[in-house]
């Protein structure tokens, strides 16, 4: 008997959309991100300001995410001043396609 995963479609990520918001009491701060897949593949191998340098830019080639894989974002807040919260949201834009045999 052949085992089938829950979702047999791979996801082709064409760009990341990142939104950073902060409370009114936060006067400064940047959110650095290191994004990786659950399979161990590092999309960014170091922390960088993804919202500023990568966000909403189309990639030259699609990032193919295997079925049922997970995208992790390790976040680091630097140079924060004031009090309050900084909110970081990431969306992956692309399409799903049946996995090739």
N, C-alpha and C. Protein backbone atom coordinates (compact mmCIF):
# COMPACT_ATOMS: atom_id res chain seq x y z
N UNK A 1 0.84 -1.17 0.00
CA UNK A 1 0.00 0.00 0.00
C UNK A 1 0.89 1.24 0.00
N UNK A 2 0.59 2.18 -0.87
CA UNK A 2 1.37 3.39 -1.00
C UNK A 2 0.84 4.45 -0.06
N UNK A 3 1.73 5.03 0.74
CA UNK A 3 1.33 6.09 1.68
C UNK A 3 1.23 7.41 0.94
N UNK A 4 0.12 8.11 1.08
CA UNK A 4 -0.07 9.42 0.48
C UNK A 4 -0.11 10.46 1.59
N UNK A 5 0.56 11.57 1.36
CA UNK A 5 0.55 12.63 2.36
C UNK A 5 -0.79 13.35 2.34
N UNK A 6 -1.00 14.19 3.33
CA UNK A 6 -2.25 14.93 3.44
C UNK A 6 -2.44 15.84 2.23
N UNK A 7 -1.41 16.50 1.82
CA UNK A 7 -1.46 17.41 0.68
C UNK A 7 -0.35 17.01 -0.29
N UNK A 8 -0.71 16.61 -1.49
CA UNK A 8 0.28 16.14 -2.45
C UNK A 8 0.74 17.24 -3.39
N UNK A 9 0.36 18.48 -3.13
CA UNK A 9 0.74 19.60 -3.99
C UNK A 9 1.94 20.33 -3.43
N UNK A 10 2.88 20.69 -4.31
CA UNK A 10 4.00 21.51 -3.88
C UNK A 10 3.63 22.98 -4.10
N UNK A 11 4.24 23.86 -3.29
CA UNK A 11 3.95 25.29 -3.39
C UNK A 11 5.13 25.99 -4.02
N UNK A 12 4.88 26.78 -5.04
CA UNK A 12 5.91 27.56 -5.72
C UNK A 12 5.81 29.00 -5.22
N UNK A 13 6.71 29.38 -4.34
CA UNK A 13 6.71 30.73 -3.76
C UNK A 13 7.44 31.66 -4.72
N UNK A 14 6.76 32.74 -5.12
CA UNK A 14 7.35 33.69 -6.05
C UNK A 14 7.84 34.96 -5.37
N UNK A 15 7.28 35.27 -4.21
CA UNK A 15 7.76 36.42 -3.45
C UNK A 15 7.21 36.37 -2.03
N UNK A 16 7.87 37.10 -1.14
CA UNK A 16 7.43 37.25 0.24
C UNK A 16 6.81 38.63 0.39
N UNK A 17 5.69 38.68 1.08
CA UNK A 17 5.08 39.95 1.42
C UNK A 17 5.18 40.09 2.94
N UNK A 18 5.84 41.14 3.39
CA UNK A 18 6.10 41.31 4.82
C UNK A 18 5.56 42.66 5.26
N UNK A 19 4.84 42.64 6.36
CA UNK A 19 4.26 43.86 6.92
C UNK A 19 4.76 44.02 8.35
N UNK A 20 5.31 45.18 8.66
CA UNK A 20 5.79 45.48 10.00
C UNK A 20 4.99 46.66 10.54
N UNK A 21 4.39 46.48 11.70
CA UNK A 21 3.65 47.55 12.37
C UNK A 21 4.15 47.66 13.80
N UNK A 22 4.06 48.85 14.34
CA UNK A 22 4.45 49.05 15.73
C UNK A 22 3.43 49.92 16.44
N UNK A 23 3.40 49.79 17.75
CA UNK A 23 2.53 50.64 18.56
C UNK A 23 2.99 52.10 18.46
N UNK A 24 2.11 53.03 18.80
CA UNK A 24 2.44 54.45 18.74
C UNK A 24 3.57 54.83 19.68
N UNK A 25 3.77 54.06 20.72
CA UNK A 25 4.80 54.38 21.71
C UNK A 25 6.19 53.88 21.32
N UNK A 26 6.30 53.09 20.26
CA UNK A 26 7.61 52.62 19.77
C UNK A 26 8.17 53.71 18.87
N UNK A 27 9.36 54.22 19.21
CA UNK A 27 9.96 55.31 18.44
C UNK A 27 11.00 54.83 17.44
N UNK A 28 11.54 53.64 17.62
CA UNK A 28 12.55 53.11 16.70
C UNK A 28 12.60 51.60 16.86
N UNK A 29 13.20 50.94 15.87
CA UNK A 29 13.39 49.50 15.95
C UNK A 29 13.28 48.85 14.59
N UNK A 30 14.00 47.78 14.42
CA UNK A 30 13.97 46.99 13.19
C UNK A 30 13.80 45.53 13.55
N UNK A 31 13.10 44.81 12.68
CA UNK A 31 12.91 43.37 12.86
C UNK A 31 13.77 42.66 11.83
N UNK A 32 14.70 41.86 12.30
CA UNK A 32 15.56 41.06 11.43
C UNK A 32 15.01 39.64 11.39
N UNK A 33 15.08 39.01 10.22
CA UNK A 33 14.51 37.67 10.05
C UNK A 33 15.51 36.74 9.40
N UNK A 34 15.46 35.50 9.82
CA UNK A 34 16.17 34.39 9.16
C UNK A 34 15.09 33.38 8.81
N UNK A 35 14.85 33.17 7.54
CA UNK A 35 13.75 32.33 7.09
C UNK A 35 14.32 31.02 6.58
N UNK A 36 13.69 29.93 7.00
CA UNK A 36 14.17 28.59 6.63
C UNK A 36 12.99 27.65 6.51
N UNK A 37 13.23 26.52 5.88
CA UNK A 37 12.21 25.48 5.74
C UNK A 37 12.42 24.40 6.79
N UNK A 38 11.36 23.69 7.10
CA UNK A 38 11.45 22.59 8.05
C UNK A 38 12.36 21.48 7.59
N UNK A 39 12.57 21.37 6.29
CA UNK A 39 13.46 20.34 5.74
C UNK A 39 14.93 20.66 5.97
N UNK A 40 15.22 21.88 6.46
CA UNK A 40 16.60 22.26 6.73
C UNK A 40 17.17 23.25 5.75
N UNK A 41 16.45 23.54 4.66
CA UNK A 41 16.93 24.48 3.65
C UNK A 41 16.81 25.90 4.18
N UNK A 42 17.91 26.64 4.17
CA UNK A 42 17.92 28.03 4.66
C UNK A 42 17.67 28.98 3.49
N UNK A 43 16.56 29.70 3.54
CA UNK A 43 16.28 30.70 2.52
C UNK A 43 17.20 31.90 2.74
N UNK A 44 17.30 32.36 3.99
CA UNK A 44 18.30 33.36 4.39
C UNK A 44 19.19 32.67 5.41
N UNK A 45 20.49 32.66 5.18
CA UNK A 45 21.37 31.97 6.12
C UNK A 45 21.83 32.88 7.26
N UNK A 46 21.40 34.14 7.24
CA UNK A 46 21.74 35.06 8.32
C UNK A 46 20.55 36.00 8.53
N UNK A 47 20.56 36.73 9.63
CA UNK A 47 19.47 37.66 9.91
C UNK A 47 19.61 38.90 9.03
N UNK A 48 18.49 39.34 8.42
CA UNK A 48 18.49 40.57 7.66
C UNK A 48 17.12 41.22 7.75
N UNK A 49 17.05 42.50 7.43
CA UNK A 49 15.79 43.23 7.46
C UNK A 49 15.01 42.87 6.20
N UNK A 50 14.28 41.77 6.29
CA UNK A 50 13.58 41.22 5.13
C UNK A 50 12.50 42.15 4.62
N UNK A 51 11.84 42.87 5.51
CA UNK A 51 10.79 43.79 5.07
C UNK A 51 11.36 44.90 4.20
N UNK A 52 12.55 45.34 4.49
CA UNK A 52 13.17 46.43 3.74
C UNK A 52 13.84 45.96 2.46
N UNK A 53 14.57 44.83 2.51
CA UNK A 53 15.41 44.44 1.38
C UNK A 53 14.80 43.37 0.48
N UNK A 54 13.87 42.58 0.99
CA UNK A 54 13.34 41.46 0.21
C UNK A 54 11.84 41.59 -0.02
N UNK A 55 11.13 42.18 0.92
CA UNK A 55 9.68 42.21 0.87
C UNK A 55 9.11 42.76 -0.42
N UNK A 56 8.18 42.05 -1.01
CA UNK A 56 7.41 42.36 -2.22
C UNK A 56 8.21 42.34 -3.52
N UNK A 57 9.45 41.91 -3.49
CA UNK A 57 10.24 41.79 -4.72
C UNK A 57 10.09 40.38 -5.27
N UNK A 58 9.78 40.27 -6.57
CA UNK A 58 9.69 38.95 -7.20
C UNK A 58 11.07 38.32 -7.29
N UNK A 59 11.13 37.01 -7.05
CA UNK A 59 12.40 36.29 -7.11
C UNK A 59 12.68 35.86 -8.55
N UNK A 60 13.94 35.67 -8.86
CA UNK A 60 14.33 35.26 -10.21
C UNK A 60 13.82 33.84 -10.53
N UNK A 61 13.84 32.97 -9.54
CA UNK A 61 13.29 31.62 -9.70
C UNK A 61 12.37 31.33 -8.52
N UNK A 62 11.43 30.43 -8.73
CA UNK A 62 10.49 30.08 -7.67
C UNK A 62 11.18 29.24 -6.60
N UNK A 63 10.81 29.48 -5.37
CA UNK A 63 11.22 28.61 -4.27
C UNK A 63 10.17 27.51 -4.18
N UNK A 64 10.55 26.29 -4.44
CA UNK A 64 9.62 25.17 -4.42
C UNK A 64 9.60 24.56 -3.02
N UNK A 65 8.43 24.61 -2.39
CA UNK A 65 8.26 24.07 -1.05
C UNK A 65 7.52 22.75 -1.17
N UNK A 66 8.13 21.68 -0.68
CA UNK A 66 7.55 20.34 -0.78
C UNK A 66 6.24 20.24 -0.02
N UNK A 67 5.41 19.26 -0.38
CA UNK A 67 4.15 19.07 0.33
C UNK A 67 4.38 18.87 1.84
N UNK A 68 3.55 19.50 2.62
CA UNK A 68 3.55 19.39 4.08
C UNK A 68 4.84 19.89 4.74
N UNK A 69 5.65 20.67 4.03
CA UNK A 69 6.82 21.28 4.66
C UNK A 69 6.38 22.55 5.39
N UNK A 70 7.20 23.03 6.29
CA UNK A 70 6.87 24.18 7.12
C UNK A 70 7.90 25.28 6.87
N UNK A 71 7.43 26.53 6.85
CA UNK A 71 8.32 27.68 6.72
C UNK A 71 8.47 28.31 8.10
N UNK A 72 9.71 28.43 8.56
CA UNK A 72 10.00 29.04 9.86
C UNK A 72 10.63 30.41 9.65
N UNK A 73 10.28 31.35 10.52
CA UNK A 73 10.90 32.67 10.51
C UNK A 73 11.44 32.92 11.92
N UNK A 74 12.75 32.94 12.05
CA UNK A 74 13.39 33.30 13.32
C UNK A 74 13.54 34.82 13.32
N UNK A 75 12.98 35.48 14.33
CA UNK A 75 12.95 36.94 14.35
C UNK A 75 13.82 37.50 15.46
N UNK A 76 14.37 38.68 15.19
CA UNK A 76 15.23 39.36 16.15
C UNK A 76 14.93 40.85 16.05
N UNK A 77 14.56 41.48 17.16
CA UNK A 77 14.29 42.92 17.19
C UNK A 77 15.55 43.63 17.66
N UNK A 78 16.00 44.62 16.87
CA UNK A 78 17.23 45.35 17.21
C UNK A 78 16.94 46.84 17.24
N UNK A 79 17.73 47.55 18.01
CA UNK A 79 17.68 49.01 18.11
C UNK A 79 16.29 49.53 18.46
N UNK A 80 15.59 48.82 19.34
CA UNK A 80 14.25 49.26 19.72
C UNK A 80 14.35 50.36 20.77
N UNK A 81 13.53 51.39 20.58
CA UNK A 81 13.44 52.48 21.55
C UNK A 81 11.98 52.74 21.85
N UNK A 82 11.70 53.17 23.05
CA UNK A 82 10.33 53.40 23.46
C UNK A 82 9.74 52.13 24.06
N UNK A 83 8.45 52.16 24.29
CA UNK A 83 7.77 50.99 24.85
C UNK A 83 6.67 50.56 23.90
N UNK A 84 6.27 49.33 23.99
CA UNK A 84 5.20 48.83 23.14
C UNK A 84 5.62 47.61 22.35
N UNK A 85 4.80 47.26 21.40
CA UNK A 85 5.00 46.03 20.61
C UNK A 85 5.29 46.35 19.15
N UNK A 86 6.05 45.46 18.52
CA UNK A 86 6.27 45.50 17.08
C UNK A 86 5.68 44.22 16.51
N UNK A 87 4.86 44.37 15.49
CA UNK A 87 4.16 43.22 14.90
C UNK A 87 4.75 42.95 13.51
N UNK A 88 5.03 41.67 13.23
CA UNK A 88 5.66 41.25 11.98
C UNK A 88 4.80 40.17 11.35
N UNK A 89 4.33 40.39 10.13
CA UNK A 89 3.48 39.43 9.43
C UNK A 89 4.10 39.10 8.08
N UNK A 90 4.11 37.82 7.73
CA UNK A 90 4.68 37.39 6.46
C UNK A 90 3.66 36.55 5.69
N UNK A 91 3.52 36.85 4.42
CA UNK A 91 2.68 36.08 3.51
C UNK A 91 3.57 35.56 2.38
N UNK A 92 3.30 34.34 1.95
CA UNK A 92 4.00 33.77 0.81
C UNK A 92 3.07 33.81 -0.39
N UNK A 93 3.51 34.45 -1.45
CA UNK A 93 2.70 34.55 -2.66
C UNK A 93 3.25 33.59 -3.70
N UNK A 94 2.35 32.85 -4.34
CA UNK A 94 2.75 31.90 -5.36
C UNK A 94 1.59 31.05 -5.77
N UNK A 95 1.86 29.81 -6.15
CA UNK A 95 0.81 28.91 -6.61
C UNK A 95 1.14 27.48 -6.20
N UNK A 96 0.08 26.65 -6.11
CA UNK A 96 0.25 25.24 -5.81
C UNK A 96 0.15 24.44 -7.09
N UNK A 97 0.92 23.38 -7.15
CA UNK A 97 0.91 22.52 -8.33
C UNK A 97 1.09 21.07 -7.88
N UNK A 98 0.42 20.17 -8.56
CA UNK A 98 0.60 18.75 -8.25
C UNK A 98 2.05 18.38 -8.44
N UNK A 99 2.54 17.61 -7.53
CA UNK A 99 3.95 17.19 -7.57
C UNK A 99 4.20 16.29 -8.76
N UNK A 100 5.31 16.52 -9.43
CA UNK A 100 5.67 15.69 -10.57
C UNK A 100 6.14 14.32 -10.09
N UNK A 101 5.86 13.31 -10.85
CA UNK A 101 6.24 11.94 -10.47
C UNK A 101 7.71 11.69 -10.66
